[in-house]
């Protein structure tokens, strides 16, 4: 009779289970970006229109993330997290069976509903499961597996698309999801909050409707998907609804998005600066595979083997972010680093079909390192001065802003690419069409650093551990978002 295998400690088991869910989501996004040109060809669509497949998912995340924390408090973290995995995988399977762009977009919207609960609730599960003394170890176990999705996604997506079918990139998640559901049921407790305030249904209706109108209007603006007057009308309507929500929050006790958090300088700088930075970075996974495959004529597999370098650079950064921030502080790092990233993005636009592969790899690797440093620094700074009682509000707000800015980034990339086509009289995409989009998003990234100039020199010093003439508190664990 063999002895029973001991269970791993909860500080390891729970973060690893949650990390598998986060890795599944990150792997899905990274794989799809590489496969976009092949998907467009299979569905008989303009490659520029396939940006809807990415923005539909990101948009769904932005709309439903604010309500995820309330659902976890009301129905239990395990129940919501497990349900999120089921919804995510059903949407993924449906996306694989899509035969038109409309079907694919609808499937991605449904998939995003699951992702909107899976990511923030997964982090909440970890925070509620481990003690403060175990937090550093738990976060290490949580973030490391989640980073593997963006590293292996591009080459895996390229291999599947080149040698099998793009549909398998969605079905790949099924076995991971089934294992995840079993592990969640065995290891994660169904923790709830006792006194849950009522859900702000009016606020949710305002934010979801406003975001839906504004984002769809912006996504379709000037690209021939819908008539131009309709795009402008939707954009104006969405902006008006969101402006009304700002007034609405002033007389609501428990708003679904607490705009009052923006009164905290470090949180405001983090949200505004990181959001504008993410708009630039959000265009990258859309523009780069199109440039390499359509502009340079590479296969999806060859493209994926090059684009994985950015995620690999991000992975190496995780070991050096702490010492960098302790040495230079948040203000200096966030300001200077945004300029470095802007240069790296602009450099991508100067690539040509004859550029040696090792140069492309080097630029993407270095750019990935500094992009991840910017994300990690901004994420950590954002929570430096947040009271513990408002941490869940801040997490929902920051997560929503993150997904919204990434959605805008994809739309900006598609709009710029469409504009460059019009400048030369239309026709099929070629390598020269990508120069202006990359130069422009590089400028956006560089300018985003100006947001942090108004911060005091010691902003977030207790978190970074930077010495400013006094002995600092022991540095807290740097906050990272999976894949950043």
Foldseek 3Di string as FASTA:
>chain_A
DDDDDDDDDLLQLLLLLLLLVLLLVLLLLLLCLLCLVVVCVQLVHDSLVSLLLVLLLLLLLLLQLLCLVLCCQVFFLLVLQLVLLVQLLVLLLQLLVDNHSVSSSVSSNSNSPSVSNSALSSVVQSVVRDDPVSVQVSVVSNFVSLLVSLLVNQLVSLCCVQPNNNSVSSVVCVVSSVVSSVSSVVRTDRDHHDDRDDAPVVLSVLLSQLSVLQLVLLLCAPPPPDDNVSSVVSNVVSVVSVVVSVVVLVPDDDHSANPVLCVPPLLVLLLQLVLLLLLLVLQVSNQQSCLVCVALVDGSNVSSVQLSLLSVLLSVLLVPLLVVCQAQNLLVLLQVLLLVLLVLLLVVLVDHSPPDSVVSSVSSNPSSNSVNSNQLSSQQLNCLPPPPVCVSSSSSNSSSSNSSSSSSSNSLNSVQLSVLCVVVPHDDDYNNSSNVSSNVSSVSSNVSSVSSNPPDSCRSCLQSQHDDPDGHHPHDNGDGRHND
